[in-house]
Amino acid sequence: MATAALIDSAMRLELDGGLDADNKPVVKYKNFAHVKTSSTPDQLYAVANALSGLQVYPLVMITRNDSFAIHS
């Protein structure tokens, strides 16, 4: 049976960049690699909100991307 081991985690902030010349929404992204794999969703939420205060654009969404190693 195969098992999965969490090896890395990253966080992405999606920011509202307004509208372009054609009135289409512009999305800006800020990526943060090597997030502690033991971080809880509440911890990531708190950090993301603190970081969003340093950004020019308002925060729309926070995503977490986990990477796993699959072993047999």
C-alpha atoms as a PDB file:
ATOM      1  CA  MET A   1       0.000   0.000   0.000  1.00  0.00           C
ATOM      2  CA  ALA A   2       1.302   3.463  -0.883  1.00  0.00           C
ATOM      3  CA  THR A   3       1.774   6.179   1.724  1.00  0.00           C
ATOM      4  CA  ALA A   4       2.107   9.932   1.388  1.00  0.00           C
ATOM      5  CA  ALA A   5       4.515  12.103   3.364  1.00  0.00           C
ATOM      6  CA  LEU A   6       4.063  15.876   3.500  1.00  0.00           C
ATOM      7  CA  ILE A   7       7.384  17.397   2.412  1.00  0.00           C
ATOM      8  CA  ASP A   8       6.691  21.078   1.675  1.00  0.00           C
ATOM      9  CA  SER A   9       4.009  23.726   1.894  1.00  0.00           C
ATOM     10  CA  ALA A  10       3.480  27.129   0.272  1.00  0.00           C
ATOM     11  CA  MET A  11       1.015  29.977   0.720  1.00  0.00           C
ATOM     12  CA  ARG A  12      -0.433  32.196  -1.995  1.00  0.00           C
ATOM     13  CA  LEU A  13      -2.206  35.518  -1.537  1.00  0.00           C
ATOM     14  CA  GLU A  14      -4.645  36.568  -4.261  1.00  0.00           C
ATOM     15  CA  LEU A  15      -5.025  40.344  -4.463  1.00  0.00           C
ATOM     16  CA  ASP A  16      -7.607  42.502  -6.240  1.00  0.00           C
ATOM     17  CA  GLY A  17      -5.718  44.582  -8.796  1.00  0.00           C
ATOM     18  CA  GLY A  18      -8.809  46.460  -9.996  1.00  0.00           C
ATOM     19  CA  LEU A  19      -9.917  46.535 -13.623  1.00  0.00           C
ATOM     20  CA  ASP A  20      -7.904  46.769 -16.818  1.00  0.00           C
ATOM     21  CA  ALA A  21      -8.703  49.021 -19.804  1.00  0.00           C
ATOM     22  CA  ASP A  22     -11.328  46.514 -21.014  1.00  0.00           C
ATOM     23  CA  ASN A  23     -13.056  46.397 -17.588  1.00  0.00           C
ATOM     24  CA  LYS A  24     -11.735  42.877 -16.944  1.00  0.00           C
ATOM     25  CA  PRO A  25     -10.627  42.069 -13.389  1.00  0.00           C
ATOM     26  CA  VAL A  26      -6.893  42.086 -12.698  1.00  0.00           C
ATOM     27  CA  VAL A  27      -5.606  39.572 -10.149  1.00  0.00           C
ATOM     28  CA  LYS A  28      -2.197  39.948  -8.509  1.00  0.00           C
ATOM     29  CA  TYR A  29      -0.482  37.088  -6.672  1.00  0.00           C
ATOM     30  CA  LYS A  30       2.116  36.946  -3.908  1.00  0.00           C
ATOM     31  CA  ASN A  31       3.674  33.537  -3.258  1.00  0.00           C
ATOM     32  CA  PHE A  32       5.455  32.440  -0.095  1.00  0.00           C
ATOM     33  CA  ALA A  33       7.440  29.196  -0.305  1.00  0.00           C
ATOM     34  CA  HIS A  34       8.705  26.906   2.456  1.00  0.00           C
ATOM     35  CA  VAL A  35       5.835  27.500   4.875  1.00  0.00           C
ATOM     36  CA  LYS A  36       6.069  25.248   7.933  1.00  0.00           C
ATOM     37  CA  THR A  37       4.204  22.063   7.161  1.00  0.00           C
ATOM     38  CA  SER A  38       2.904  22.018  10.743  1.00  0.00           C
ATOM     39  CA  SER A  39       1.184  25.413  10.359  1.00  0.00           C
ATOM     40  CA  THR A  40      -2.532  25.363  11.092  1.00  0.00           C
ATOM     41  CA  PRO A  41      -5.116  27.124   8.900  1.00  0.00           C
ATOM     42  CA  ASP A  42      -5.639  29.691  11.690  1.00  0.00           C
ATOM     43  CA  GLN A  43      -1.916  30.461  11.765  1.00  0.00           C
ATOM     44  CA  LEU A  44      -1.754  30.887   7.994  1.00  0.00           C
ATOM     45  CA  TYR A  45      -4.848  33.095   8.079  1.00  0.00           C
ATOM     46  CA  ALA A  46      -3.290  35.358  10.731  1.00  0.00           C
ATOM     47  CA  VAL A  47      -0.004  35.662   8.835  1.00  0.00           C
ATOM     48  CA  ALA A  48      -1.749  36.267   5.506  1.00  0.00           C
ATOM     49  CA  ASN A  49      -3.877  39.030   6.995  1.00  0.00           C
ATOM     50  CA  ALA A  50      -0.800  40.650   8.548  1.00  0.00           C
ATOM     51  CA  LEU A  51       1.033  40.489   5.203  1.00  0.00           C
ATOM     52  CA  SER A  52      -1.979  41.825   3.308  1.00  0.00           C
ATOM     53  CA  GLY A  53      -1.714  45.028   5.331  1.00  0.00           C
ATOM     54  CA  LEU A  54       1.661  45.610   3.669  1.00  0.00           C
ATOM     55  CA  GLN A  55       0.262  45.196   0.150  1.00  0.00           C
ATOM     56  CA  VAL A  56      -1.023  47.893  -2.190  1.00  0.00           C
ATOM     57  CA  TYR A  57      -4.042  45.828  -3.270  1.00  0.00           C
ATOM     58  CA  PRO A  58      -6.787  44.324  -1.070  1.00  0.00           C
ATOM     59  CA  LEU A  59      -6.707  40.621  -0.174  1.00  0.00           C
ATOM     60  CA  VAL A  60      -9.253  38.400  -1.938  1.00  0.00           C
ATOM     61  CA  MET A  61      -8.196  34.815  -1.156  1.00  0.00           C
ATOM     62  CA  ILE A  62      -5.571  32.761   0.675  1.00  0.00           C
ATOM     63  CA  THR A  63      -4.537  29.370  -0.667  1.00  0.00           C
ATOM     64  CA  ARG A  64      -2.182  26.727   0.661  1.00  0.00           C
ATOM     65  CA  ASN A  65      -0.367  24.295  -1.614  1.00  0.00           C
ATOM     66  CA  ASP A  66       1.050  21.158  -0.016  1.00  0.00           C
ATOM     67  CA  SER A  67       3.552  18.839  -1.704  1.00  0.00           C
ATOM     68  CA  PHE A  68       3.659  15.154  -0.851  1.00  0.00           C
ATOM     69  CA  ALA A  69       6.142  12.380  -1.557  1.00  0.00           C
ATOM     70  CA  ILE A  70       4.401   9.131  -2.437  1.00  0.00           C
ATOM     71  CA  HIS A  71       6.145   5.954  -1.230  1.00  0.00           C
ATOM     72  CA  SER A  72       5.314   2.328  -1.692  1.00  0.00           C
END
